[in-house]
Amino acid sequence: MLHKLVTVAAWALLIFVSYATLSSIEARPELSSGFYKAFFTVVERFGAYAALGLLFYFAYPRNVAAVCLLVCGSAILLELLQIVIPDRDARVIDALEKLAGAAAGILVAKALYNFQRTGR
């Protein structure tokens, strides 16, 4: 039952991240404003993809290559799709922040999974 819940959460988060990435700037959910906006934007990107990596790894622990391809591929694809949205822009630094978050999430999930399996 928990495995199914994690799987649904992973796909739901990917859908939400896709919406947040591709929606117009006015419709995009935002956690911060003001002076610290740039910092929190980086944290949002990194954190969203770290959570994606973590959830997808726990949903599909035997398919690490597919998880990496899905999470990292979605980061790159969604960033590139911003080119066709009038008030959005694709930037390499944004993609790198997302890829770093994805890698961190997958690595943390792998460590937690191995720790849980071996007990050390």
PDB file of N, CA and C in Angstrom:
ATOM      1  N   MET A   1       0.820  -1.202   0.000  1.00  0.00           N
ATOM      2  CA  MET A   1       0.000   0.000   0.000  1.00  0.00           C
ATOM      3  C   MET A   1       0.860   1.261   0.000  1.00  0.00           C
ATOM      4  N   LEU A   2       1.903   1.287   0.832  1.00  0.00           N
ATOM      5  CA  LEU A   2       2.794   2.451   0.890  1.00  0.00           C
ATOM      6  C   LEU A   2       3.489   2.675  -0.446  1.00  0.00           C
ATOM      7  N   HIS A   3       3.874   1.588  -1.095  1.00  0.00           N
ATOM      8  CA  HIS A   3       4.539   1.694  -2.400  1.00  0.00           C
ATOM      9  C   HIS A   3       3.626   2.362  -3.420  1.00  0.00           C
ATOM     10  N   LYS A   4       2.352   2.002  -3.420  1.00  0.00           N
ATOM     11  CA  LYS A   4       1.401   2.617  -4.349  1.00  0.00           C
ATOM     12  C   LYS A   4       1.226   4.101  -4.046  1.00  0.00           C
ATOM     13  N   LEU A   5       1.188   4.438  -2.773  1.00  0.00           N
ATOM     14  CA  LEU A   5       1.050   5.836  -2.371  1.00  0.00           C
ATOM     15  C   LEU A   5       2.256   6.665  -2.833  1.00  0.00           C
ATOM     16  N   VAL A   6       3.449   6.113  -2.669  1.00  0.00           N
ATOM     17  CA  VAL A   6       4.667   6.803  -3.102  1.00  0.00           C
ATOM     18  C   VAL A   6       4.665   6.967  -4.623  1.00  0.00           C
ATOM     19  N   THR A   7       4.236   5.946  -5.326  1.00  0.00           N
ATOM     20  CA  THR A   7       4.177   6.014  -6.790  1.00  0.00           C
ATOM     21  C   THR A   7       3.199   7.089  -7.255  1.00  0.00           C
ATOM     22  N   VAL A   8       2.031   7.136  -6.651  1.00  0.00           N
ATOM     23  CA  VAL A   8       1.040   8.160  -7.008  1.00  0.00           C
ATOM     24  C   VAL A   8       1.579   9.547  -6.659  1.00  0.00           C
ATOM     25  N   ALA A   9       2.232   9.671  -5.511  1.00  0.00           N
ATOM     26  CA  ALA A   9       2.797  10.967  -5.106  1.00  0.00           C
ATOM     27  C   ALA A   9       3.871  11.423  -6.089  1.00  0.00           C
ATOM     28  N   ALA A  10       4.702  10.502  -6.563  1.00  0.00           N
ATOM     29  CA  ALA A  10       5.757  10.847  -7.512  1.00  0.00           C
ATOM     30  C   ALA A  10       5.164  11.386  -8.814  1.00  0.00           C
ATOM     31  N   TRP A  11       4.178  10.688  -9.355  1.00  0.00           N
ATOM     32  CA  TRP A  11       3.570  11.129 -10.610  1.00  0.00           C
ATOM     33  C   TRP A  11       2.784  12.418 -10.425  1.00  0.00           C
ATOM     34  N   ALA A  12       2.111  12.551  -9.279  1.00  0.00           N
ATOM     35  CA  ALA A  12       1.367  13.783  -9.005  1.00  0.00           C
ATOM     36  C   ALA A  12       2.319  14.976  -8.899  1.00  0.00           C
ATOM     37  N   LEU A  13       3.460  14.777  -8.252  1.00  0.00           N
ATOM     38  CA  LEU A  13       4.431  15.860  -8.142  1.00  0.00           C
ATOM     39  C   LEU A  13       4.997  16.224  -9.509  1.00  0.00           C
ATOM     40  N   LEU A  14       5.235  15.232 -10.354  1.00  0.00           N
ATOM     41  CA  LEU A  14       5.720  15.531 -11.703  1.00  0.00           C
ATOM     42  C   LEU A  14       4.689  16.349 -12.480  1.00  0.00           C
ATOM     43  N   ILE A  15       3.424  16.026 -12.333  1.00  0.00           N
ATOM     44  CA  ILE A  15       2.370  16.796 -12.992  1.00  0.00           C
ATOM     45  C   ILE A  15       2.342  18.225 -12.464  1.00  0.00           C
ATOM     46  N   PHE A  16       2.446  18.382 -11.147  1.00  0.00           N
ATOM     47  CA  PHE A  16       2.446  19.721 -10.557  1.00  0.00           C
ATOM     48  C   PHE A  16       3.660  20.530 -11.008  1.00  0.00           C
ATOM     49  N   VAL A  17       4.828  19.916 -11.019  1.00  0.00           N
ATOM     50  CA  VAL A  17       6.044  20.602 -11.457  1.00  0.00           C
ATOM     51  C   VAL A  17       5.919  20.994 -12.929  1.00  0.00           C
ATOM     52  N   SER A  18       5.338  20.123 -13.733  1.00  0.00           N
ATOM     53  CA  SER A  18       5.124  20.449 -15.149  1.00  0.00           C
ATOM     54  C   SER A  18       4.204  21.655 -15.287  1.00  0.00           C
ATOM     55  N   TYR A  19       3.123  21.674 -14.517  1.00  0.00           N
ATOM     56  CA  TYR A  19       2.204  22.813 -14.538  1.00  0.00           C
ATOM     57  C   TYR A  19       2.927  24.095 -14.114  1.00  0.00           C
ATOM     58  N   ALA A  20       3.662  24.019 -13.015  1.00  0.00           N
ATOM     59  CA  ALA A  20       4.350  25.205 -12.500  1.00  0.00           C
ATOM     60  C   ALA A  20       5.406  25.698 -13.484  1.00  0.00           C
ATOM     61  N   THR A  21       6.033  24.795 -14.189  1.00  0.00           N
ATOM     62  CA  THR A  21       7.082  25.164 -15.131  1.00  0.00           C
ATOM     63  C   THR A  21       6.521  25.773 -16.408  1.00  0.00           C
ATOM     64  N   LEU A  22       5.402  25.253 -16.867  1.00  0.00           N
ATOM     65  CA  LEU A  22       4.892  25.661 -18.178  1.00  0.00           C
ATOM     66  C   LEU A  22       3.746  26.667 -18.122  1.00  0.00           C
ATOM     67  N   SER A  23       3.224  26.953 -16.947  1.00  0.00           N
ATOM     68  CA  SER A  23       2.132  27.919 -16.857  1.00  0.00           C
ATOM     69  C   SER A  23       2.680  29.335 -17.030  1.00  0.00           C
ATOM     70  N   SER A  24       1.780  30.249 -17.337  1.00  0.00           N
ATOM     71  CA  SER A  24       2.207  31.640 -17.485  1.00  0.00           C
ATOM     72  C   SER A  24       2.719  32.157 -16.147  1.00  0.00           C
ATOM     73  N   ILE A  25       3.475  33.201 -16.177  1.00  0.00           N
ATOM     74  CA  ILE A  25       4.120  33.716 -14.980  1.00  0.00           C
ATOM     75  C   ILE A  25       3.090  34.159 -13.936  1.00  0.00           C
ATOM     76  N   GLU A  26       1.922  34.632 -14.382  1.00  0.00           N
ATOM     77  CA  GLU A  26       0.876  35.051 -13.446  1.00  0.00           C
ATOM     78  C   GLU A  26       0.222  33.855 -12.749  1.00  0.00           C
ATOM     79  N   ALA A  27       0.104  32.737 -13.452  1.00  0.00           N
ATOM     80  CA  ALA A  27      -0.560  31.555 -12.908  1.00  0.00           C
ATOM     81  C   ALA A  27       0.388  30.663 -12.115  1.00  0.00           C
ATOM     82  N   ARG A  28       1.664  30.946 -12.192  1.00  0.00           N
ATOM     83  CA  ARG A  28       2.669  30.098 -11.551  1.00  0.00           C
ATOM     84  C   ARG A  28       2.609  30.263 -10.040  1.00  0.00           C
ATOM     85  N   PRO A  29       2.582  29.150  -9.309  1.00  0.00           N
ATOM     86  CA  PRO A  29       2.632  29.254  -7.849  1.00  0.00           C
ATOM     87  C   PRO A  29       3.977  29.808  -7.400  1.00  0.00           C
ATOM     88  N   GLU A  30       3.959  30.639  -6.387  1.00  0.00           N
ATOM     89  CA  GLU A  30       5.186  31.297  -5.936  1.00  0.00           C
ATOM     90  C   GLU A  30       5.248  31.270  -4.410  1.00  0.00           C
ATOM     91  N   LEU A  31       6.399  30.904  -3.887  1.00  0.00           N
ATOM     92  CA  LEU A  31       6.564  30.810  -2.443  1.00  0.00           C
ATOM     93  C   LEU A  31       7.075  32.087  -1.809  1.00  0.00           C
ATOM     94  N   SER A  32       7.696  32.942  -2.589  1.00  0.00           N
ATOM     95  CA  SER A  32       8.342  34.107  -1.982  1.00  0.00           C
ATOM     96  C   SER A  32       8.222  35.324  -2.884  1.00  0.00           C
ATOM     97  N   SER A  33       8.526  36.468  -2.282  1.00  0.00           N
ATOM     98  CA  SER A  33       8.582  37.714  -3.046  1.00  0.00           C
ATOM     99  C   SER A  33       9.547  38.647  -2.336  1.00  0.00           C
ATOM    100  N   GLY A  34       9.882  39.727  -3.007  1.00  0.00           N
ATOM    101  CA  GLY A  34      10.753  40.709  -2.379  1.00  0.00           C
ATOM    102  C   GLY A  34      12.223  40.407  -2.559  1.00  0.00           C
ATOM    103  N   PHE A  35      12.992  40.816  -1.568  1.00  0.00           N
ATOM    104  CA  PHE A  35      14.451  40.778  -1.628  1.00  0.00           C
ATOM    105  C   PHE A  35      15.011  39.359  -1.792  1.00  0.00           C
ATOM    106  N   TYR A  36      14.418  38.398  -1.117  1.00  0.00           N
ATOM    107  CA  TYR A  36      14.948  37.034  -1.129  1.00  0.00           C
ATOM    108  C   TYR A  36      14.369  36.168  -2.237  1.00  0.00           C
ATOM    109  N   LYS A  37      13.643  36.759  -3.154  1.00  0.00           N
ATOM    110  CA  LYS A  37      12.964  36.002  -4.198  1.00  0.00           C
ATOM    111  C   LYS A  37      13.933  35.146  -5.018  1.00  0.00           C
ATOM    112  N   ALA A  38      15.058  35.696  -5.414  1.00  0.00           N
ATOM    113  CA  ALA A  38      16.024  34.946  -6.236  1.00  0.00           C
ATOM    114  C   ALA A  38      16.547  33.718  -5.494  1.00  0.00           C
ATOM    115  N   PHE A  39      16.834  33.883  -4.204  1.00  0.00           N
ATOM    116  CA  PHE A  39      17.326  32.752  -3.411  1.00  0.00           C
ATOM    117  C   PHE A  39      16.263  31.664  -3.308  1.00  0.00           C
ATOM    118  N   PHE A  40      15.032  32.059  -2.998  1.00  0.00           N
ATOM    119  CA  PHE A  40      13.979  31.070  -2.834  1.00  0.00           C
ATOM    120  C   PHE A  40      13.585  30.416  -4.150  1.00  0.00           C
ATOM    121  N   THR A  41      13.777  31.107  -5.261  1.00  0.00           N
ATOM    122  CA  THR A  41      13.512  30.511  -6.556  1.00  0.00           C
ATOM    123  C   THR A  41      14.480  29.363  -6.816  1.00  0.00           C
ATOM    124  N   VAL A  42      15.732  29.546  -6.467  1.00  0.00           N
ATOM    125  CA  VAL A  42      16.727  28.472  -6.600  1.00  0.00           C
ATOM    126  C   VAL A  42      16.352  27.309  -5.686  1.00  0.00           C
ATOM    127  N   VAL A  43      15.958  27.620  -4.457  1.00  0.00           N
ATOM    128  CA  VAL A  43      15.568  26.580  -3.504  1.00  0.00           C
ATOM    129  C   VAL A  43      14.336  25.826  -4.013  1.00  0.00           C
ATOM    130  N   GLU A  44      13.387  26.543  -4.608  1.00  0.00           N
ATOM    131  CA  GLU A  44      12.188  25.905  -5.174  1.00  0.00           C
ATOM    132  C   GLU A  44      12.575  24.911  -6.265  1.00  0.00           C
ATOM    133  N   ARG A  45      13.408  25.347  -7.190  1.00  0.00           N
ATOM    134  CA  ARG A  45      13.814  24.461  -8.298  1.00  0.00           C
ATOM    135  C   ARG A  45      14.563  23.242  -7.776  1.00  0.00           C
ATOM    136  N   PHE A  46      15.573  23.499  -6.957  1.00  0.00           N
ATOM    137  CA  PHE A  46      16.385  22.409  -6.421  1.00  0.00           C
ATOM    138  C   PHE A  46      15.508  21.456  -5.611  1.00  0.00           C
ATOM    139  N   GLY A  47      14.686  22.003  -4.730  1.00  0.00           N
ATOM    140  CA  GLY A  47      13.858  21.184  -3.854  1.00  0.00           C
ATOM    141  C   GLY A  47      12.813  20.372  -4.591  1.00  0.00           C
ATOM    142  N   ALA A  48      12.198  20.966  -5.602  1.00  0.00           N
ATOM    143  CA  ALA A  48      11.174  20.246  -6.361  1.00  0.00           C
ATOM    144  C   ALA A  48      11.774  19.027  -7.054  1.00  0.00           C
ATOM    145  N   TYR A  49      12.923  19.199  -7.660  1.00  0.00           N
ATOM    146  CA  TYR A  49      13.535  18.074  -8.364  1.00  0.00           C
ATOM    147  C   TYR A  49      14.212  17.091  -7.415  1.00  0.00           C
ATOM    148  N   ALA A  50      14.651  17.554  -6.251  1.00  0.00           N
ATOM    149  CA  ALA A  50      15.156  16.625  -5.230  1.00  0.00           C
ATOM    150  C   ALA A  50      14.014  15.743  -4.745  1.00  0.00           C
ATOM    151  N   ALA A  51      12.849  16.341  -4.516  1.00  0.00           N
ATOM    152  CA  ALA A  51      11.682  15.562  -4.091  1.00  0.00           C
ATOM    153  C   ALA A  51      11.251  14.594  -5.193  1.00  0.00           C
ATOM    154  N   LEU A  52      11.288  15.042  -6.445  1.00  0.00           N
ATOM    155  CA  LEU A  52      10.968  14.144  -7.557  1.00  0.00           C
ATOM    156  C   LEU A  52      11.920  12.960  -7.601  1.00  0.00           C
ATOM    157  N   GLY A  53      13.212  13.233  -7.499  1.00  0.00           N
ATOM    158  CA  GLY A  53      14.201  12.160  -7.525  1.00  0.00           C
ATOM    159  C   GLY A  53      13.997  11.178  -6.381  1.00  0.00           C
ATOM    160  N   LEU A  54      13.743  11.704  -5.202  1.00  0.00           N
ATOM    161  CA  LEU A  54      13.526  10.866  -4.026  1.00  0.00           C
ATOM    162  C   LEU A  54      12.284   9.991  -4.199  1.00  0.00           C
ATOM    163  N   LEU A  55      11.167  10.599  -4.578  1.00  0.00           N
ATOM    164  CA  LEU A  55       9.929   9.837  -4.728  1.00  0.00           C
ATOM    165  C   LEU A  55      10.016   8.803  -5.851  1.00  0.00           C
ATOM    166  N   PHE A  56      10.571   9.192  -6.987  1.00  0.00           N
ATOM    167  CA  PHE A  56      10.661   8.235  -8.090  1.00  0.00           C
ATOM    168  C   PHE A  56      11.630   7.099  -7.770  1.00  0.00           C
ATOM    169  N   TYR A  57      12.686   7.379  -7.027  1.00  0.00           N
ATOM    170  CA  TYR A  57      13.592   6.289  -6.650  1.00  0.00           C
ATOM    171  C   TYR A  57      12.874   5.303  -5.744  1.00  0.00           C
ATOM    172  N   PHE A  58      12.124   5.803  -4.754  1.00  0.00           N
ATOM    173  CA  PHE A  58      11.395   4.905  -3.864  1.00  0.00           C
ATOM    174  C   PHE A  58      10.250   4.189  -4.585  1.00  0.00           C
ATOM    175  N   ALA A  59       9.688   4.814  -5.607  1.00  0.00           N
ATOM    176  CA  ALA A  59       8.630   4.169  -6.380  1.00  0.00           C
ATOM    177  C   ALA A  59       9.186   3.069  -7.279  1.00  0.00           C
ATOM    178  N   TYR A  60      10.374   3.282  -7.808  1.00  0.00           N
ATOM    179  CA  TYR A  60      10.980   2.321  -8.746  1.00  0.00           C
ATOM    180  C   TYR A  60      12.453   2.058  -8.385  1.00  0.00           C
ATOM    181  N   PRO A  61      12.730   1.452  -7.235  1.00  0.00           N
ATOM    182  CA  PRO A  61      14.118   1.287  -6.785  1.00  0.00           C
ATOM    183  C   PRO A  61      14.952   0.328  -7.633  1.00  0.00           C
ATOM    184  N   ARG A  62      14.312  -0.526  -8.386  1.00  0.00           N
ATOM    185  CA  ARG A  62      15.065  -1.483  -9.222  1.00  0.00           C
ATOM    186  C   ARG A  62      15.382  -0.921 -10.602  1.00  0.00           C
ATOM    187  N   ASN A  63      14.854   0.251 -10.908  1.00  0.00           N
ATOM    188  CA  ASN A  63      15.043   0.859 -12.227  1.00  0.00           C
ATOM    189  C   ASN A  63      15.737   2.210 -12.097  1.00  0.00           C
ATOM    190  N   VAL A  64      16.937   2.202 -11.553  1.00  0.00           N
ATOM    191  CA  VAL A  64      17.650   3.451 -11.283  1.00  0.00           C
ATOM    192  C   VAL A  64      17.920   4.226 -12.573  1.00  0.00           C
ATOM    193  N   ALA A  65      18.290   3.544 -13.627  1.00  0.00           N
ATOM    194  CA  ALA A  65      18.565   4.230 -14.891  1.00  0.00           C
ATOM    195  C   ALA A  65      17.300   4.908 -15.430  1.00  0.00           C
ATOM    196  N   ALA A  66      16.171   4.217 -15.332  1.00  0.00           N
ATOM    197  CA  ALA A  66      14.910   4.801 -15.795  1.00  0.00           C
ATOM    198  C   ALA A  66      14.518   5.998 -14.930  1.00  0.00           C
ATOM    199  N   VAL A  67      14.758   5.906 -13.621  1.00  0.00           N
ATOM    200  CA  VAL A  67      14.457   7.020 -12.720  1.00  0.00           C
ATOM    201  C   VAL A  67      15.316   8.230 -13.084  1.00  0.00           C
ATOM    202  N   CYS A  68      16.599   8.005 -13.284  1.00  0.00           N
ATOM    203  CA  CYS A  68      17.500   9.106 -13.667  1.00  0.00           C
ATOM    204  C   CYS A  68      17.069   9.723 -14.986  1.00  0.00           C
ATOM    205  N   LEU A  69      16.744   8.883 -15.951  1.00  0.00           N
ATOM    206  CA  LEU A  69      16.312   9.374 -17.255  1.00  0.00           C
ATOM    207  C   LEU A  69      15.007  10.160 -17.143  1.00  0.00           C
ATOM    208  N   LEU A  70      14.064   9.655 -16.365  1.00  0.00           N
ATOM    209  CA  LEU A  70      12.780  10.319 -16.219  1.00  0.00           C
ATOM    210  C   LEU A  70      12.919  11.666 -15.512  1.00  0.00           C
ATOM    211  N   VAL A  71      13.591  11.687 -14.381  1.00  0.00           N
ATOM    212  CA  VAL A  71      13.674  12.917 -13.595  1.00  0.00           C
ATOM    213  C   VAL A  71      14.579  13.943 -14.279  1.00  0.00           C
ATOM    214  N   CYS A  72      15.751  13.533 -14.695  1.00  0.00           N
ATOM    215  CA  CYS A  72      16.664  14.471 -15.362  1.00  0.00           C
ATOM    216  C   CYS A  72      16.143  14.863 -16.741  1.00  0.00           C
ATOM    217  N   GLY A  73      15.568  13.898 -17.438  1.00  0.00           N
ATOM    218  CA  GLY A  73      14.993  14.197 -18.749  1.00  0.00           C
ATOM    219  C   GLY A  73      13.834  15.170 -18.656  1.00  0.00           C
ATOM    220  N   SER A  74      13.001  15.024 -17.633  1.00  0.00           N
ATOM    221  CA  SER A  74      11.885  15.963 -17.472  1.00  0.00           C
ATOM    222  C   SER A  74      12.400  17.359 -17.136  1.00  0.00           C
ATOM    223  N   ALA A  75      13.475  17.444 -16.369  1.00  0.00           N
ATOM    224  CA  ALA A  75      14.055  18.757 -16.048  1.00  0.00           C
ATOM    225  C   ALA A  75      14.503  19.467 -17.327  1.00  0.00           C
ATOM    226  N   ILE A  76      15.188  18.759 -18.175  1.00  0.00           N
ATOM    227  CA  ILE A  76      15.690  19.348 -19.419  1.00  0.00           C
ATOM    228  C   ILE A  76      14.548  19.637 -20.394  1.00  0.00           C
ATOM    229  N   LEU A  77      13.650  18.674 -20.555  1.00  0.00           N
ATOM    230  CA  LEU A  77      12.541  18.853 -21.488  1.00  0.00           C
ATOM    231  C   LEU A  77      11.639  20.009 -21.080  1.00  0.00           C
ATOM    232  N   LEU A  78      11.292  20.075 -19.804  1.00  0.00           N
ATOM    233  CA  LEU A  78      10.421  21.166 -19.354  1.00  0.00           C
ATOM    234  C   LEU A  78      11.104  22.519 -19.477  1.00  0.00           C
ATOM    235  N   GLU A  79      12.400  22.554 -19.246  1.00  0.00           N
ATOM    236  CA  GLU A  79      13.125  23.820 -19.414  1.00  0.00           C
ATOM    237  C   GLU A  79      13.116  24.238 -20.880  1.00  0.00           C
ATOM    238  N   LEU A  80      13.336  23.290 -21.780  1.00  0.00           N
ATOM    239  CA  LEU A  80      13.320  23.603 -23.210  1.00  0.00           C
ATOM    240  C   LEU A  80      11.928  24.005 -23.694  1.00  0.00           C
ATOM    241  N   LEU A  81      10.890  23.406 -23.130  1.00  0.00           N
ATOM    242  CA  LEU A  81       9.526  23.753 -23.537  1.00  0.00           C
ATOM    243  C   LEU A  81       9.156  25.178 -23.161  1.00  0.00           C
ATOM    244  N   GLN A  82       9.876  25.774 -22.229  1.00  0.00           N
ATOM    245  CA  GLN A  82       9.609  27.162 -21.870  1.00  0.00           C
ATOM    246  C   GLN A  82       9.915  28.127 -23.013  1.00  0.00           C
ATOM    247  N   ILE A  83      10.669  27.660 -23.996  1.00  0.00           N
ATOM    248  CA  ILE A  83      10.985  28.496 -25.161  1.00  0.00           C
ATOM    249  C   ILE A  83       9.708  28.892 -25.911  1.00  0.00           C
ATOM    250  N   VAL A  84       8.736  28.000 -25.957  1.00  0.00           N
ATOM    251  CA  VAL A  84       7.525  28.262 -26.739  1.00  0.00           C
ATOM    252  C   VAL A  84       6.454  29.024 -25.957  1.00  0.00           C
ATOM    253  N   ILE A  85       6.674  29.288 -24.691  1.00  0.00           N
ATOM    254  CA  ILE A  85       5.715  30.027 -23.878  1.00  0.00           C
ATOM    255  C   ILE A  85       6.126  31.495 -23.883  1.00  0.00           C
ATOM    256  N   PRO A  86       5.224  32.388 -24.281  1.00  0.00           N
ATOM    257  CA  PRO A  86       5.591  33.784 -24.510  1.00  0.00           C
ATOM    258  C   PRO A  86       6.270  34.493 -23.338  1.00  0.00           C
ATOM    259  N   ASP A  87       5.781  34.345 -22.124  1.00  0.00           N
ATOM    260  CA  ASP A  87       6.372  35.102 -21.019  1.00  0.00           C
ATOM    261  C   ASP A  87       7.336  34.280 -20.169  1.00  0.00           C
ATOM    262  N   ARG A  88       7.811  33.159 -20.691  1.00  0.00           N
ATOM    263  CA  ARG A  88       8.779  32.324 -19.975  1.00  0.00           C
ATOM    264  C   ARG A  88      10.047  32.231 -20.819  1.00  0.00           C
ATOM    265  N   ASP A  89      11.143  31.900 -20.187  1.00  0.00           N
ATOM    266  CA  ASP A  89      12.388  31.736 -20.926  1.00  0.00           C
ATOM    267  C   ASP A  89      13.170  30.558 -20.360  1.00  0.00           C
ATOM    268  N   ALA A  90      13.817  29.854 -21.257  1.00  0.00           N
ATOM    269  CA  ALA A  90      14.646  28.714 -20.878  1.00  0.00           C
ATOM    270  C   ALA A  90      16.061  29.214 -20.617  1.00  0.00           C
ATOM    271  N   ARG A  91      16.623  28.823 -19.479  1.00  0.00           N
ATOM    272  CA  ARG A  91      17.986  29.223 -19.154  1.00  0.00           C
ATOM    273  C   ARG A  91      18.779  28.002 -18.699  1.00  0.00           C
ATOM    274  N   VAL A  92      20.025  27.958 -19.087  1.00  0.00           N
ATOM    275  CA  VAL A  92      20.898  26.838 -18.743  1.00  0.00           C
ATOM    276  C   VAL A  92      21.069  26.745 -17.227  1.00  0.00           C
ATOM    277  N   ILE A  93      21.231  27.863 -16.537  1.00  0.00           N
ATOM    278  CA  ILE A  93      21.439  27.840 -15.092  1.00  0.00           C
ATOM    279  C   ILE A  93      20.232  27.237 -14.380  1.00  0.00           C
ATOM    280  N   ASP A  94      19.021  27.510 -14.876  1.00  0.00           N
ATOM    281  CA  ASP A  94      17.826  26.912 -14.287  1.00  0.00           C
ATOM    282  C   ASP A  94      17.849  25.394 -14.450  1.00  0.00           C
ATOM    283  N   ALA A  95      18.213  24.938 -15.634  1.00  0.00           N
ATOM    284  CA  ALA A  95      18.293  23.500 -15.888  1.00  0.00           C
ATOM    285  C   ALA A  95      19.348  22.850 -14.992  1.00  0.00           C
ATOM    286  N   LEU A  96      20.477  23.520 -14.802  1.00  0.00           N
ATOM    287  CA  LEU A  96      21.524  22.969 -13.941  1.00  0.00           C
ATOM    288  C   LEU A  96      21.071  22.871 -12.483  1.00  0.00           C
ATOM    289  N   GLU A  97      20.322  23.868 -12.017  1.00  0.00           N
ATOM    290  CA  GLU A  97      19.786  23.816 -10.653  1.00  0.00           C
ATOM    291  C   GLU A  97      18.828  22.637 -10.503  1.00  0.00           C
ATOM    292  N   LYS A  98      17.999  22.417 -11.504  1.00  0.00           N
ATOM    293  CA  LYS A  98      17.055  21.307 -11.470  1.00  0.00           C
ATOM    294  C   LYS A  98      17.780  19.964 -11.529  1.00  0.00           C
ATOM    295  N   LEU A  99      18.790  19.870 -12.374  1.00  0.00           N
ATOM    296  CA  LEU A  99      19.563  18.629 -12.473  1.00  0.00           C
ATOM    297  C   LEU A  99      20.323  18.331 -11.183  1.00  0.00           C
ATOM    298  N   ALA A 100      20.845  19.361 -10.541  1.00  0.00           N
ATOM    299  CA  ALA A 100      21.531  19.161  -9.260  1.00  0.00           C
ATOM    300  C   ALA A 100      20.552  18.663  -8.206  1.00  0.00           C
ATOM    301  N   GLY A 101      19.353  19.217  -8.176  1.00  0.00           N
ATOM    302  CA  GLY A 101      18.338  18.756  -7.244  1.00  0.00           C
ATOM    303  C   GLY A 101      17.938  17.313  -7.514  1.00  0.00           C
ATOM    304  N   ALA A 102      17.761  16.976  -8.783  1.00  0.00           N
ATOM    305  CA  ALA A 102      17.404  15.604  -9.152  1.00  0.00           C
ATOM    306  C   ALA A 102      18.481  14.621  -8.699  1.00  0.00           C
ATOM    307  N   ALA A 103      19.735  14.956  -8.961  1.00  0.00           N
ATOM    308  CA  ALA A 103      20.837  14.075  -8.556  1.00  0.00           C
ATOM    309  C   ALA A 103      20.900  13.931  -7.042  1.00  0.00           C
ATOM    310  N   ALA A 104      20.726  15.029  -6.334  1.00  0.00           N
ATOM    311  CA  ALA A 104      20.759  14.976  -4.868  1.00  0.00           C
ATOM    312  C   ALA A 104      19.625  14.108  -4.333  1.00  0.00           C
ATOM    313  N   GLY A 105      18.425  14.270  -4.870  1.00  0.00           N
ATOM    314  CA  GLY A 105      17.293  13.473  -4.417  1.00  0.00           C
ATOM    315  C   GLY A 105      17.482  11.991  -4.667  1.00  0.00           C
ATOM    316  N   ILE A 106      17.984  11.651  -5.837  1.00  0.00           N
ATOM    317  CA  ILE A 106      18.207  10.242  -6.175  1.00  0.00           C
ATOM    318  C   ILE A 106      19.302   9.648  -5.290  1.00  0.00           C
ATOM    319  N   LEU A 107      20.380  10.399  -5.075  1.00  0.00           N
ATOM    320  CA  LEU A 107      21.464   9.884  -4.228  1.00  0.00           C
ATOM    321  C   LEU A 107      21.039   9.716  -2.781  1.00  0.00           C
ATOM    322  N   VAL A 108      20.278  10.658  -2.257  1.00  0.00           N
ATOM    323  CA  VAL A 108      19.779  10.529  -0.880  1.00  0.00           C
ATOM    324  C   VAL A 108      18.831   9.337  -0.779  1.00  0.00           C
ATOM    325  N   ALA A 109      17.946   9.187  -1.756  1.00  0.00           N
ATOM    326  CA  ALA A 109      17.017   8.058  -1.741  1.00  0.00           C
ATOM    327  C   ALA A 109      17.761   6.728  -1.816  1.00  0.00           C
ATOM    328  N   LYS A 110      18.795   6.673  -2.647  1.00  0.00           N
ATOM    329  CA  LYS A 110      19.588   5.440  -2.762  1.00  0.00           C
ATOM    330  C   LYS A 110      20.263   5.115  -1.439  1.00  0.00           C
ATOM    331  N   ALA A 111      20.827   6.114  -0.786  1.00  0.00           N
ATOM    332  CA  ALA A 111      21.472   5.899   0.510  1.00  0.00           C
ATOM    333  C   ALA A 111      20.461   5.431   1.558  1.00  0.00           C
ATOM    334  N   LEU A 112      19.303   6.083   1.609  1.00  0.00           N
ATOM    335  CA  LEU A 112      18.263   5.684   2.564  1.00  0.00           C
ATOM    336  C   LEU A 112      17.746   4.281   2.276  1.00  0.00           C
ATOM    337  N   TYR A 113      17.560   3.956   1.014  1.00  0.00           N
ATOM    338  CA  TYR A 113      17.075   2.640   0.618  1.00  0.00           C
ATOM    339  C   TYR A 113      18.078   1.560   1.014  1.00  0.00           C
ATOM    340  N   ASN A 114      19.361   1.806   0.730  1.00  0.00           N
ATOM    341  CA  ASN A 114      20.397   0.829   1.105  1.00  0.00           C
ATOM    342  C   ASN A 114      20.526   0.715   2.622  1.00  0.00           C
ATOM    343  N   PHE A 115      20.421   1.815   3.325  1.00  0.00           N
ATOM    344  CA  PHE A 115      20.491   1.786   4.787  1.00  0.00           C
ATOM    345  C   PHE A 115      19.324   0.986   5.359  1.00  0.00           C
ATOM    346  N   GLN A 116      18.138   1.180   4.800  1.00  0.00           N
ATOM    347  CA  GLN A 116      16.955   0.458   5.269  1.00  0.00           C
ATOM    348  C   GLN A 116      17.077  -1.032   4.977  1.00  0.00           C
ATOM    349  N   ARG A 117      17.636  -1.395   3.842  1.00  0.00           N
ATOM    350  CA  ARG A 117      17.779  -2.804   3.463  1.00  0.00           C
ATOM    351  C   ARG A 117      18.829  -3.520   4.277  1.00  0.00           C
ATOM    352  N   THR A 118      19.953  -2.842   4.523  1.00  0.00           N
ATOM    353  CA  THR A 118      21.054  -3.516   5.214  1.00  0.00           C
ATOM    354  C   THR A 118      21.028  -3.293   6.724  1.00  0.00           C
ATOM    355  N   GLY A 119      20.363  -2.242   7.153  1.00  0.00           N
ATOM    356  CA  GLY A 119      20.307  -1.945   8.577  1.00  0.00           C
ATOM    357  C   GLY A 119      21.554  -1.265   9.110  1.00  0.00           C
ATOM    358  N   ARG A 120      22.400  -0.774   8.197  1.00  0.00           N
ATOM    359  CA  ARG A 120      23.599  -0.042   8.617  1.00  0.00           C
ATOM    360  C   ARG A 120      23.935   1.036   7.645  1.00  0.00           C
TER     361      ARG A 120
END
